[in-house]
PDB file of N, CA and C in Angstrom:
ATOM      1  N   UNK A   1       0.812  -1.180   0.000  1.00  0.00           N
ATOM      2  CA  UNK A   1       0.000   0.000   0.000  1.00  0.00           C
ATOM      3  C   UNK A   1       0.866   1.259   0.000  1.00  0.00           C
ATOM      4  N   UNK A   2       1.922   1.256   0.799  1.00  0.00           N
ATOM      5  CA  UNK A   2       2.787   2.444   0.871  1.00  0.00           C
ATOM      6  C   UNK A   2       3.450   2.722  -0.470  1.00  0.00           C
ATOM      7  N   UNK A   3       3.967   1.687  -1.112  1.00  0.00           N
ATOM      8  CA  UNK A   3       4.588   1.867  -2.427  1.00  0.00           C
ATOM      9  C   UNK A   3       3.585   2.433  -3.425  1.00  0.00           C
ATOM     10  N   UNK A   4       2.381   1.896  -3.419  1.00  0.00           N
ATOM     11  CA  UNK A   4       1.362   2.351  -4.362  1.00  0.00           C
ATOM     12  C   UNK A   4       1.005   3.819  -4.112  1.00  0.00           C
ATOM     13  N   UNK A   5       0.825   4.203  -2.860  1.00  0.00           N
ATOM     14  CA  UNK A   5       0.538   5.608  -2.553  1.00  0.00           C
ATOM     15  C   UNK A   5       1.701   6.504  -2.964  1.00  0.00           C
ATOM     16  N   UNK A   6       2.906   6.079  -2.659  1.00  0.00           N
ATOM     17  CA  UNK A   6       4.079   6.902  -2.977  1.00  0.00           C
ATOM     18  C   UNK A   6       4.196   7.143  -4.473  1.00  0.00           C
ATOM     19  N   UNK A   7       4.049   6.105  -5.253  1.00  0.00           N
ATOM     20  CA  UNK A   7       4.165   6.264  -6.701  1.00  0.00           C
ATOM     21  C   UNK A   7       2.959   7.001  -7.290  1.00  0.00           C
ATOM     22  N   UNK A   8       1.789   6.823  -6.689  1.00  0.00           N
ATOM     23  CA  UNK A   8       0.574   7.481  -7.176  1.00  0.00           C
ATOM     24  C   UNK A   8       0.614   8.989  -6.914  1.00  0.00           C
ATOM     25  N   UNK A   9       1.008   9.379  -5.711  1.00  0.00           N
ATOM     26  CA  UNK A   9       0.982  10.792  -5.318  1.00  0.00           C
ATOM     27  C   UNK A   9       2.309  11.519  -5.510  1.00  0.00           C
ATOM     28  N   UNK A  10       3.413  10.806  -5.454  1.00  0.00           N
ATOM     29  CA  UNK A  10       4.707  11.483  -5.374  1.00  0.00           C
ATOM     30  C   UNK A  10       5.651  11.260  -6.523  1.00  0.00           C
ATOM     31  N   UNK A  11       5.155  10.875  -7.674  1.00  0.00           N
ATOM     32  CA  UNK A  11       6.013  10.588  -8.814  1.00  0.00           C
ATOM     33  C   UNK A  11       6.914  11.735  -9.228  1.00  0.00           C
ATOM     34  N   UNK A  12       6.583  12.952  -8.799  1.00  0.00           N
ATOM     35  CA  UNK A  12       7.419  14.104  -9.142  1.00  0.00           C
ATOM     36  C   UNK A  12       8.676  14.194  -8.282  1.00  0.00           C
ATOM     37  N   UNK A  13       8.696  13.488  -7.130  1.00  0.00           N
ATOM     38  CA  UNK A  13       9.855  13.596  -6.229  1.00  0.00           C
ATOM     39  C   UNK A  13      10.448  12.251  -5.827  1.00  0.00           C
ATOM     40  N   UNK A  14       9.817  11.146  -6.226  1.00  0.00           N
ATOM     41  CA  UNK A  14      10.348   9.845  -5.809  1.00  0.00           C
ATOM     42  C   UNK A  14       9.897   8.742  -6.738  1.00  0.00           C
ATOM     43  N   UNK A  15      10.598   7.641  -6.638  1.00  0.00           N
ATOM     44  CA  UNK A  15      10.176   6.376  -7.220  1.00  0.00           C
ATOM     45  C   UNK A  15      10.281   5.364  -6.094  1.00  0.00           C
ATOM     46  N   UNK A  16       9.167   4.747  -5.755  1.00  0.00           N
ATOM     47  CA  UNK A  16       9.132   3.834  -4.615  1.00  0.00           C
ATOM     48  C   UNK A  16       9.172   2.379  -5.077  1.00  0.00           C
ATOM     49  N   UNK A  17       9.861   1.568  -4.307  1.00  0.00           N
ATOM     50  CA  UNK A  17       9.901   0.121  -4.479  1.00  0.00           C
ATOM     51  C   UNK A  17       9.700  -0.491  -3.108  1.00  0.00           C
ATOM     52  N   UNK A  18       8.863  -1.494  -2.999  1.00  0.00           N
ATOM     53  CA  UNK A  18       8.672  -2.127  -1.703  1.00  0.00           C
ATOM     54  C   UNK A  18       9.336  -3.487  -1.678  1.00  0.00           C
ATOM     55  N   UNK A  19       9.785  -3.847  -0.497  1.00  0.00           N
ATOM     56  CA  UNK A  19      10.389  -5.156  -0.262  1.00  0.00           C
ATOM     57  C   UNK A  19      10.219  -5.470   1.211  1.00  0.00           C
ATOM     58  N   UNK A  20      10.143  -6.728   1.534  1.00  0.00           N
ATOM     59  CA  UNK A  20       9.936  -7.112   2.920  1.00  0.00           C
ATOM     60  C   UNK A  20      10.966  -8.106   3.407  1.00  0.00           C
ATOM     61  N   UNK A  21      11.083  -8.185   4.726  1.00  0.00           N
ATOM     62  CA  UNK A  21      11.988  -9.164   5.333  1.00  0.00           C
ATOM     63  C   UNK A  21      11.420 -10.569   5.211  1.00  0.00           C
ATOM     64  N   UNK A  22      10.093 -10.671   5.165  1.00  0.00           N
ATOM     65  CA  UNK A  22       9.420 -11.957   4.970  1.00  0.00           C
ATOM     66  C   UNK A  22       8.202 -11.706   4.083  1.00  0.00           C
ATOM     67  N   UNK A  23       8.433 -11.447   2.786  1.00  0.00           N
ATOM     68  CA  UNK A  23       7.315 -11.074   1.917  1.00  0.00           C
ATOM     69  C   UNK A  23       6.310 -12.198   1.726  1.00  0.00           C
ATOM     70  N   UNK A  24       5.058 -11.797   1.558  1.00  0.00           N
ATOM     71  CA  UNK A  24       3.989 -12.754   1.287  1.00  0.00           C
ATOM     72  C   UNK A  24       4.173 -13.338  -0.117  1.00  0.00           C
ATOM     73  N   UNK A  25       3.450 -14.390  -0.397  1.00  0.00           N
ATOM     74  CA  UNK A  25       3.526 -15.026  -1.715  1.00  0.00           C
ATOM     75  C   UNK A  25       2.754 -14.241  -2.773  1.00  0.00           C
ATOM     76  N   UNK A  26       1.873 -13.391  -2.343  1.00  0.00           N
ATOM     77  CA  UNK A  26       1.061 -12.601  -3.257  1.00  0.00           C
ATOM     78  C   UNK A  26       0.390 -11.479  -2.493  1.00  0.00           C
ATOM     79  N   UNK A  27      -0.403 -10.697  -3.180  1.00  0.00           N
ATOM     80  CA  UNK A  27      -1.098  -9.590  -2.553  1.00  0.00           C
ATOM     81  C   UNK A  27      -2.413 -10.108  -1.965  1.00  0.00           C
ATOM     82  N   UNK A  28      -2.631  -9.890  -0.668  1.00  0.00           N
ATOM     83  CA  UNK A  28      -3.891 -10.342  -0.071  1.00  0.00           C
ATOM     84  C   UNK A  28      -5.093  -9.666  -0.727  1.00  0.00           C
ATOM     85  N   UNK A  29      -6.174 -10.400  -0.902  1.00  0.00           N
ATOM     86  CA  UNK A  29      -7.367  -9.829  -1.535  1.00  0.00           C
ATOM     87  C   UNK A  29      -7.862  -8.548  -0.852  1.00  0.00           C
ATOM     88  N   UNK A  30      -7.758  -8.476   0.479  1.00  0.00           N
ATOM     89  CA  UNK A  30      -8.221  -7.264   1.164  1.00  0.00           C
ATOM     90  C   UNK A  30      -7.319  -6.060   0.885  1.00  0.00           C
ATOM     91  N   UNK A  31      -6.053  -6.284   0.566  1.00  0.00           N
ATOM     92  CA  UNK A  31      -5.190  -5.185   0.140  1.00  0.00           C
ATOM     93  C   UNK A  31      -5.686  -4.649  -1.198  1.00  0.00           C
ATOM     94  N   UNK A  32      -5.972  -5.561  -2.115  1.00  0.00           N
ATOM     95  CA  UNK A  32      -6.469  -5.167  -3.437  1.00  0.00           C
ATOM     96  C   UNK A  32      -7.790  -4.415  -3.286  1.00  0.00           C
ATOM     97  N   UNK A  33      -8.681  -4.921  -2.451  1.00  0.00           N
ATOM     98  CA  UNK A  33      -9.986  -4.267  -2.256  1.00  0.00           C
ATOM     99  C   UNK A  33      -9.829  -2.879  -1.638  1.00  0.00           C
ATOM    100  N   UNK A  34      -9.037  -2.800  -0.584  1.00  0.00           N
ATOM    101  CA  UNK A  34      -8.868  -1.514   0.109  1.00  0.00           C
ATOM    102  C   UNK A  34      -8.258  -0.466  -0.812  1.00  0.00           C
ATOM    103  N   UNK A  35      -7.295  -0.852  -1.613  1.00  0.00           N
ATOM    104  CA  UNK A  35      -6.653   0.110  -2.512  1.00  0.00           C
ATOM    105  C   UNK A  35      -7.545   0.427  -3.710  1.00  0.00           C
ATOM    106  N   UNK A  36      -8.358  -0.528  -4.155  1.00  0.00           N
ATOM    107  CA  UNK A  36      -9.261  -0.236  -5.273  1.00  0.00           C
ATOM    108  C   UNK A  36     -10.296   0.805  -4.854  1.00  0.00           C
ATOM    109  N   UNK A  37     -10.621   0.862  -3.579  1.00  0.00           N
ATOM    110  CA  UNK A  37     -11.523   1.903  -3.083  1.00  0.00           C
ATOM    111  C   UNK A  37     -10.915   3.300  -3.240  1.00  0.00           C
ATOM    112  N   UNK A  38      -9.601   3.359  -3.394  1.00  0.00           N
ATOM    113  CA  UNK A  38      -8.888   4.623  -3.613  1.00  0.00           C
ATOM    114  C   UNK A  38      -8.548   4.802  -5.097  1.00  0.00           C
ATOM    115  N   UNK A  39      -9.101   3.950  -5.941  1.00  0.00           N
ATOM    116  CA  UNK A  39      -8.828   3.946  -7.387  1.00  0.00           C
ATOM    117  C   UNK A  39      -7.351   3.697  -7.698  1.00  0.00           C
ATOM    118  N   UNK A  40      -6.724   2.836  -6.892  1.00  0.00           N
ATOM    119  CA  UNK A  40      -5.336   2.430  -7.119  1.00  0.00           C
ATOM    120  C   UNK A  40      -5.324   0.911  -7.250  1.00  0.00           C
ATOM    121  N   UNK A  41      -4.822   0.430  -8.366  1.00  0.00           N
ATOM    122  CA  UNK A  41      -4.796  -1.007  -8.660  1.00  0.00           C
ATOM    123  C   UNK A  41      -3.441  -1.597  -8.249  1.00  0.00           C
ATOM    124  N   UNK A  42      -3.466  -2.482  -7.277  1.00  0.00           N
ATOM    125  CA  UNK A  42      -2.234  -3.157  -6.835  1.00  0.00           C
ATOM    126  C   UNK A  42      -2.285  -4.652  -7.141  1.00  0.00           C
ATOM    127  N   UNK A  43      -3.258  -5.067  -7.922  1.00  0.00           N
ATOM    128  CA  UNK A  43      -3.482  -6.498  -8.138  1.00  0.00           C
ATOM    129  C   UNK A  43      -2.322  -7.212  -8.831  1.00  0.00           C
ATOM    130  N   UNK A  44      -1.527  -6.481  -9.600  1.00  0.00           N
ATOM    131  CA  UNK A  44      -0.423  -7.144 -10.308  1.00  0.00           C
ATOM    132  C   UNK A  44       0.914  -7.018  -9.574  1.00  0.00           C
ATOM    133  N   UNK A  45       0.917  -6.390  -8.411  1.00  0.00           N
ATOM    134  CA  UNK A  45       2.164  -6.233  -7.653  1.00  0.00           C
ATOM    135  C   UNK A  45       2.617  -7.585  -7.119  1.00  0.00           C
ATOM    136  N   UNK A  46       3.931  -7.805  -7.159  1.00  0.00           N
ATOM    137  CA  UNK A  46       4.504  -9.023  -6.585  1.00  0.00           C
ATOM    138  C   UNK A  46       5.439  -8.634  -5.440  1.00  0.00           C
ATOM    139  N   UNK A  47       5.197  -9.157  -4.247  1.00  0.00           N
ATOM    140  CA  UNK A  47       6.087  -8.862  -3.122  1.00  0.00           C
ATOM    141  C   UNK A  47       7.515  -9.328  -3.404  1.00  0.00           C
ATOM    142  N   UNK A  48       8.472  -8.528  -2.925  1.00  0.00           N
ATOM    143  CA  UNK A  48       9.898  -8.844  -3.128  1.00  0.00           C
ATOM    144  C   UNK A  48      10.592  -8.964  -1.777  1.00  0.00           C
ATOM    145  N   UNK A  49      11.683  -9.697  -1.754  1.00  0.00           N
ATOM    146  CA  UNK A  49      12.513  -9.838  -0.571  1.00  0.00           C
ATOM    147  C   UNK A  49      13.465  -8.647  -0.477  1.00  0.00           C
ATOM    148  N   UNK A  50      13.592  -8.082   0.710  1.00  0.00           N
ATOM    149  CA  UNK A  50      14.513  -6.973   0.956  1.00  0.00           C
ATOM    150  C   UNK A  50      15.946  -7.439   0.722  1.00  0.00           C
ATOM    151  N   UNK A  51      16.685  -6.703  -0.086  1.00  0.00           N
ATOM    152  CA  UNK A  51      18.084  -7.004  -0.364  1.00  0.00           C
ATOM    153  C   UNK A  51      18.931  -5.882   0.224  1.00  0.00           C
ATOM    154  N   UNK A  52      19.631  -6.127   1.331  1.00  0.00           N
ATOM    155  CA  UNK A  52      20.387  -5.050   1.978  1.00  0.00           C
ATOM    156  C   UNK A  52      21.485  -4.462   1.096  1.00  0.00           C
ATOM    157  N   UNK A  53      21.928  -5.203   0.104  1.00  0.00           N
ATOM    158  CA  UNK A  53      23.005  -4.698  -0.755  1.00  0.00           C
ATOM    159  C   UNK A  53      22.463  -3.741  -1.819  1.00  0.00           C
ATOM    160  N   UNK A  54      21.182  -3.830  -2.138  1.00  0.00           N
ATOM    161  CA  UNK A  54      20.544  -2.836  -3.000  1.00  0.00           C
ATOM    162  C   UNK A  54      20.199  -1.578  -2.216  1.00  0.00           C
ATOM    163  N   UNK A  55      19.899  -1.731  -0.943  1.00  0.00           N
ATOM    164  CA  UNK A  55      19.428  -0.612  -0.124  1.00  0.00           C
ATOM    165  C   UNK A  55      20.439   0.521  -0.055  1.00  0.00           C
ATOM    166  N   UNK A  56      21.704   0.232  -0.195  1.00  0.00           N
ATOM    167  CA  UNK A  56      22.722   1.268  -0.180  1.00  0.00           C
ATOM    168  C   UNK A  56      22.617   2.225  -1.356  1.00  0.00           C
ATOM    169  N   UNK A  57      21.915   1.821  -2.395  1.00  0.00           N
ATOM    170  CA  UNK A  57      21.718   2.666  -3.570  1.00  0.00           C
ATOM    171  C   UNK A  57      20.510   3.603  -3.423  1.00  0.00           C
ATOM    172  N   UNK A  58      19.685   3.387  -2.421  1.00  0.00           N
ATOM    173  CA  UNK A  58      18.463   4.163  -2.259  1.00  0.00           C
ATOM    174  C   UNK A  58      18.725   5.349  -1.335  1.00  0.00           C
ATOM    175  N   UNK A  59      18.051   6.458  -1.568  1.00  0.00           N
ATOM    176  CA  UNK A  59      18.211   7.650  -0.731  1.00  0.00           C
ATOM    177  C   UNK A  59      17.571   7.464   0.636  1.00  0.00           C
ATOM    178  N   UNK A  60      16.395   6.829   0.668  1.00  0.00           N
ATOM    179  CA  UNK A  60      15.652   6.629   1.915  1.00  0.00           C
ATOM    180  C   UNK A  60      15.071   5.218   1.909  1.00  0.00           C
ATOM    181  N   UNK A  61      15.178   4.555   3.043  1.00  0.00           N
ATOM    182  CA  UNK A  61      14.507   3.276   3.244  1.00  0.00           C
ATOM    183  C   UNK A  61      13.512   3.479   4.376  1.00  0.00           C
ATOM    184  N   UNK A  62      12.251   3.155   4.118  1.00  0.00           N
ATOM    185  CA  UNK A  62      11.221   3.207   5.155  1.00  0.00           C
ATOM    186  C   UNK A  62      11.076   1.795   5.699  1.00  0.00           C
ATOM    187  N   UNK A  63      11.340   1.650   6.980  1.00  0.00           N
ATOM    188  CA  UNK A  63      11.275   0.347   7.630  1.00  0.00           C
ATOM    189  C   UNK A  63       9.988   0.275   8.449  1.00  0.00           C
ATOM    190  N   UNK A  64       9.129  -0.656   8.094  1.00  0.00           N
ATOM    191  CA  UNK A  64       7.887  -0.869   8.835  1.00  0.00           C
ATOM    192  C   UNK A  64       7.872  -2.232   9.515  1.00  0.00           C
ATOM    193  N   UNK A  65       9.011  -2.917   9.523  1.00  0.00           N
ATOM    194  CA  UNK A  65       9.056  -4.289  10.031  1.00  0.00           C
ATOM    195  C   UNK A  65       9.075  -4.368  11.550  1.00  0.00           C
ATOM    196  N   UNK A  66       9.546  -3.315  12.196  1.00  0.00           N
ATOM    197  CA  UNK A  66       9.712  -3.379  13.647  1.00  0.00           C
ATOM    198  C   UNK A  66      11.020  -4.039  14.052  1.00  0.00           C
ATOM    199  N   UNK A  67      11.830  -4.430  13.084  1.00  0.00           N
ATOM    200  CA  UNK A  67      13.114  -5.079  13.328  1.00  0.00           C
ATOM    201  C   UNK A  67      14.238  -4.242  12.724  1.00  0.00           C
ATOM    202  N   UNK A  68      15.447  -4.444  13.227  1.00  0.00           N
ATOM    203  CA  UNK A  68      16.603  -3.819  12.587  1.00  0.00           C
ATOM    204  C   UNK A  68      16.792  -4.460  11.221  1.00  0.00           C
ATOM    205  N   UNK A  69      17.146  -3.639  10.261  1.00  0.00           N
ATOM    206  CA  UNK A  69      17.370  -4.161   8.912  1.00  0.00           C
ATOM    207  C   UNK A  69      18.706  -4.886   8.847  1.00  0.00           C
ATOM    208  N   UNK A  70      18.753  -6.011   8.152  1.00  0.00           N
ATOM    209  CA  UNK A  70      20.011  -6.748   8.037  1.00  0.00           C
ATOM    210  C   UNK A  70      20.967  -6.057   7.077  1.00  0.00           C
ATOM    211  N   UNK A  71      22.234  -6.387   7.195  1.00  0.00           N
ATOM    212  CA  UNK A  71      23.236  -5.928   6.242  1.00  0.00           C
ATOM    213  C   UNK A  71      23.725  -4.515   6.498  1.00  0.00           C
ATOM    214  N   UNK A  72      24.458  -3.973   5.530  1.00  0.00           N
ATOM    215  CA  UNK A  72      24.995  -2.627   5.673  1.00  0.00           C
ATOM    216  C   UNK A  72      23.854  -1.616   5.813  1.00  0.00           C
ATOM    217  N   UNK A  73      24.053  -0.603   6.635  1.00  0.00           N
ATOM    218  CA  UNK A  73      22.963   0.362   6.825  1.00  0.00           C
ATOM    219  C   UNK A  73      22.731   1.217   5.582  1.00  0.00           C
ATOM    220  N   UNK A  74      21.466   1.460   5.242  1.00  0.00           N
ATOM    221  CA  UNK A  74      21.150   2.370   4.132  1.00  0.00           C
ATOM    222  C   UNK A  74      21.552   3.802   4.488  1.00  0.00           C
ATOM    223  N   UNK A  75      21.537   4.686   3.494  1.00  0.00           N
ATOM    224  CA  UNK A  75      21.880   6.100   3.721  1.00  0.00           C
ATOM    225  C   UNK A  75      21.010   6.724   4.799  1.00  0.00           C
ATOM    226  N   UNK A  76      19.711   6.531   4.675  1.00  0.00           N
ATOM    227  CA  UNK A  76      18.761   7.080   5.656  1.00  0.00           C
ATOM    228  C   UNK A  76      17.653   6.071   5.858  1.00  0.00           C
ATOM    229  N   UNK A  77      17.319   5.823   7.120  1.00  0.00           N
ATOM    230  CA  UNK A  77      16.218   4.919   7.452  1.00  0.00           C
ATOM    231  C   UNK A  77      15.165   5.714   8.213  1.00  0.00           C
ATOM    232  N   UNK A  78      13.931   5.597   7.764  1.00  0.00           N
ATOM    233  CA  UNK A  78      12.783   6.183   8.446  1.00  0.00           C
ATOM    234  C   UNK A  78      11.977   5.013   9.000  1.00  0.00           C
ATOM    235  N   UNK A  79      11.654   5.093  10.279  1.00  0.00           N
ATOM    236  CA  UNK A  79      10.902   4.013  10.923  1.00  0.00           C
ATOM    237  C   UNK A  79       9.431   4.406  11.035  1.00  0.00           C
ATOM    238  N   UNK A  80       8.553   3.568  10.517  1.00  0.00           N
ATOM    239  CA  UNK A  80       7.114   3.776  10.644  1.00  0.00           C
ATOM    240  C   UNK A  80       6.519   2.597  11.390  1.00  0.00           C
ATOM    241  N   UNK A  81       5.664   2.885  12.365  1.00  0.00           N
ATOM    242  CA  UNK A  81       4.954   1.844  13.102  1.00  0.00           C
ATOM    243  C   UNK A  81       3.511   1.808  12.615  1.00  0.00           C
ATOM    244  N   UNK A  82       3.240   0.848  11.771  1.00  0.00           N
ATOM    245  CA  UNK A  82       1.893   0.652  11.232  1.00  0.00           C
ATOM    246  C   UNK A  82       1.532  -0.807  11.452  1.00  0.00           C
ATOM    247  N   UNK A  83       0.374  -1.041  12.052  1.00  0.00           N
ATOM    248  CA  UNK A  83      -0.047  -2.426  12.271  1.00  0.00           C
ATOM    249  C   UNK A  83      -0.244  -3.131  10.937  1.00  0.00           C
ATOM    250  N   UNK A  84       0.342  -4.306  10.817  1.00  0.00           N
ATOM    251  CA  UNK A  84       0.205  -5.118   9.613  1.00  0.00           C
ATOM    252  C   UNK A  84      -1.185  -5.759   9.628  1.00  0.00           C
ATOM    253  N   UNK A  85      -2.018  -5.444   8.645  1.00  0.00           N
ATOM    254  CA  UNK A  85      -3.382  -5.979   8.661  1.00  0.00           C
ATOM    255  C   UNK A  85      -3.506  -7.395   8.108  1.00  0.00           C
ATOM    256  N   UNK A  86      -2.397  -8.010   7.712  1.00  0.00           N
ATOM    257  CA  UNK A  86      -2.435  -9.318   7.048  1.00  0.00           C
ATOM    258  C   UNK A  86      -3.362 -10.284   7.784  1.00  0.00           C
ATOM    259  N   UNK A  87      -4.300 -10.844   7.055  1.00  0.00           N
ATOM    260  CA  UNK A  87      -5.220 -11.830   7.609  1.00  0.00           C
ATOM    261  C   UNK A  87      -6.392 -11.247   8.375  1.00  0.00           C
ATOM    262  N   UNK A  88      -6.509  -9.914   8.385  1.00  0.00           N
ATOM    263  CA  UNK A  88      -7.574  -9.257   9.138  1.00  0.00           C
ATOM    264  C   UNK A  88      -8.746  -8.886   8.245  1.00  0.00           C
ATOM    265  N   UNK A  89      -9.711  -8.233   8.854  1.00  0.00           N
ATOM    266  CA  UNK A  89     -10.909  -7.803   8.136  1.00  0.00           C
ATOM    267  C   UNK A  89     -10.595  -6.644   7.198  1.00  0.00           C
ATOM    268  N   UNK A  90     -11.490  -6.390   6.272  1.00  0.00           N
ATOM    269  CA  UNK A  90     -11.336  -5.273   5.345  1.00  0.00           C
ATOM    270  C   UNK A  90     -11.266  -3.949   6.108  1.00  0.00           C
ATOM    271  N   UNK A  91     -12.016  -3.823   7.184  1.00  0.00           N
ATOM    272  CA  UNK A  91     -11.966  -2.587   7.975  1.00  0.00           C
ATOM    273  C   UNK A  91     -10.584  -2.358   8.568  1.00  0.00           C
ATOM    274  N   UNK A  92      -9.898  -3.415   8.977  1.00  0.00           N
ATOM    275  CA  UNK A  92      -8.544  -3.288   9.505  1.00  0.00           C
ATOM    276  C   UNK A  92      -7.588  -2.856   8.401  1.00  0.00           C
ATOM    277  N   UNK A  93      -7.778  -3.385   7.210  1.00  0.00           N
ATOM    278  CA  UNK A  93      -6.975  -2.950   6.059  1.00  0.00           C
ATOM    279  C   UNK A  93      -7.226  -1.474   5.763  1.00  0.00           C
ATOM    280  N   UNK A  94      -8.464  -1.040   5.892  1.00  0.00           N
ATOM    281  CA  UNK A  94      -8.784   0.375   5.656  1.00  0.00           C
ATOM    282  C   UNK A  94      -8.079   1.275   6.664  1.00  0.00           C
ATOM    283  N   UNK A  95      -8.016   0.831   7.916  1.00  0.00           N
ATOM    284  CA  UNK A  95      -7.308   1.621   8.936  1.00  0.00           C
ATOM    285  C   UNK A  95      -5.822   1.734   8.601  1.00  0.00           C
ATOM    286  N   UNK A  96      -5.211   0.613   8.234  1.00  0.00           N
ATOM    287  CA  UNK A  96      -3.792   0.635   7.855  1.00  0.00           C
ATOM    288  C   UNK A  96      -3.602   1.497   6.611  1.00  0.00           C
ATOM    289  N   UNK A  97      -4.505   1.387   5.661  1.00  0.00           N
ATOM    290  CA  UNK A  97      -4.434   2.191   4.438  1.00  0.00           C
ATOM    291  C   UNK A  97      -4.451   3.682   4.772  1.00  0.00           C
ATOM    292  N   UNK A  98      -5.331   4.104   5.659  1.00  0.00           N
ATOM    293  CA  UNK A  98      -5.411   5.510   6.044  1.00  0.00           C
ATOM    294  C   UNK A  98      -4.134   5.993   6.705  1.00  0.00           C
ATOM    295  N   UNK A  99      -3.580   5.186   7.587  1.00  0.00           N
ATOM    296  CA  UNK A  99      -2.328   5.550   8.264  1.00  0.00           C
ATOM    297  C   UNK A  99      -1.173   5.627   7.262  1.00  0.00           C
ATOM    298  N   UNK A 100      -1.103   4.655   6.372  1.00  0.00           N
ATOM    299  CA  UNK A 100      -0.043   4.671   5.364  1.00  0.00           C
ATOM    300  C   UNK A 100      -0.179   5.854   4.415  1.00  0.00           C
ATOM    301  N   UNK A 101      -1.386   6.167   4.018  1.00  0.00           N
ATOM    302  CA  UNK A 101      -1.580   7.325   3.132  1.00  0.00           C
ATOM    303  C   UNK A 101      -1.099   8.604   3.822  1.00  0.00           C
ATOM    304  N   UNK A 102      -1.417   8.760   5.102  1.00  0.00           N
ATOM    305  CA  UNK A 102      -0.987   9.942   5.851  1.00  0.00           C
ATOM    306  C   UNK A 102       0.533  10.008   5.943  1.00  0.00           C
ATOM    307  N   UNK A 103       1.169   8.896   6.275  1.00  0.00           N
ATOM    308  CA  UNK A 103       2.626   8.868   6.400  1.00  0.00           C
ATOM    309  C   UNK A 103       3.310   9.129   5.057  1.00  0.00           C
ATOM    310  N   UNK A 104       2.803   8.511   4.002  1.00  0.00           N
ATOM    311  CA  UNK A 104       3.383   8.703   2.673  1.00  0.00           C
ATOM    312  C   UNK A 104       3.233  10.156   2.239  1.00  0.00           C
ATOM    313  N   UNK A 105       2.066  10.737   2.437  1.00  0.00           N
ATOM    314  CA  UNK A 105       1.864  12.134   2.047  1.00  0.00           C
ATOM    315  C   UNK A 105       2.796  13.060   2.819  1.00  0.00           C
ATOM    316  N   UNK A 106       3.018  12.795   4.081  1.00  0.00           N
ATOM    317  CA  UNK A 106       3.948  13.599   4.877  1.00  0.00           C
ATOM    318  C   UNK A 106       5.365  13.495   4.315  1.00  0.00           C
ATOM    319  N   UNK A 107       5.789  12.286   3.973  1.00  0.00           N
ATOM    320  CA  UNK A 107       7.112  12.086   3.381  1.00  0.00           C
ATOM    321  C   UNK A 107       7.226  12.833   2.051  1.00  0.00           C
ATOM    322  N   UNK A 108       6.209  12.721   1.217  1.00  0.00           N
ATOM    323  CA  UNK A 108       6.225  13.403  -0.080  1.00  0.00           C
ATOM    324  C   UNK A 108       6.321  14.919   0.114  1.00  0.00           C
ATOM    325  N   UNK A 109       5.540  15.461   1.028  1.00  0.00           N
ATOM    326  CA  UNK A 109       5.586  16.910   1.262  1.00  0.00           C
ATOM    327  C   UNK A 109       6.965  17.339   1.752  1.00  0.00           C
ATOM    328  N   UNK A 110       7.574  16.537   2.611  1.00  0.00           N
ATOM    329  CA  UNK A 110       8.932  16.851   3.073  1.00  0.00           C
ATOM    330  C   UNK A 110       9.936  16.799   1.920  1.00  0.00           C
ATOM    331  N   UNK A 111       9.800  15.827   1.042  1.00  0.00           N
ATOM    332  CA  UNK A 111      10.702  15.726  -0.106  1.00  0.00           C
ATOM    333  C   UNK A 111      10.518  16.903  -1.055  1.00  0.00           C
ATOM    334  N   UNK A 112       9.298  17.373  -1.198  1.00  0.00           N
ATOM    335  CA  UNK A 112       9.040  18.516  -2.088  1.00  0.00           C
ATOM    336  C   UNK A 112       9.660  19.806  -1.555  1.00  0.00           C
ATOM    337  N   UNK A 113       9.905  19.859  -0.264  1.00  0.00           N
ATOM    338  CA  UNK A 113      10.513  21.058   0.338  1.00  0.00           C
ATOM    339  C   UNK A 113      12.027  21.089   0.150  1.00  0.00           C
ATOM    340  N   UNK A 114      12.622  19.947  -0.191  1.00  0.00           N
ATOM    341  CA  UNK A 114      14.069  19.879  -0.363  1.00  0.00           C
ATOM    342  C   UNK A 114      14.479  20.472  -1.694  1.00  0.00           C
ATOM    343  N   UNK A 115      15.703  21.016  -1.766  1.00  0.00           N
ATOM    344  CA  UNK A 115      16.200  21.469  -3.078  1.00  0.00           C
ATOM    345  C   UNK A 115      16.261  20.281  -4.045  1.00  0.00           C
ATOM    346  N   UNK A 116      15.954  20.523  -5.280  1.00  0.00           N
ATOM    347  CA  UNK A 116      15.952  19.469  -6.302  1.00  0.00           C
ATOM    348  C   UNK A 116      17.376  19.076  -6.660  1.00  0.00           C
ATOM    349  N   UNK A 117      17.589  17.775  -6.806  1.00  0.00           N
ATOM    350  CA  UNK A 117      18.874  17.276  -7.328  1.00  0.00           C
ATOM    351  C   UNK A 117      18.864  17.444  -8.831  1.00  0.00           C
ATOM    352  N   UNK A 118      19.971  17.829  -9.379  1.00  0.00           N
ATOM    353  CA  UNK A 118      20.056  17.999 -10.837  1.00  0.00           C
ATOM    354  C   UNK A 118      20.940  16.973 -11.454  1.00  0.00           C
TER     355      UNK A 118
END
């Protein structure tokens, strides 16, 4: 959900990629439903495994796992505490969706305030 919001709203200042420490085999149906309510299609997204050696190439890594990230530290890590709705009701997914949208929008607004890289 965070990747989808970031790319949907913030394409002018970022390109988001999501990866997890223990990614699911696919996108849960309630994730697809909750995001479709926002007119964002995530049905074709495939979860990826976090690769700490790629993370060094990224400007910011948002960690929502609640765990320290393995491997060499990324340039900047932002920690977000959002309850994982996996396996929960659609209403729980909606709550997580709202929190993620708020956090992503805050990050995008902060990035827009920074001087542009050329």
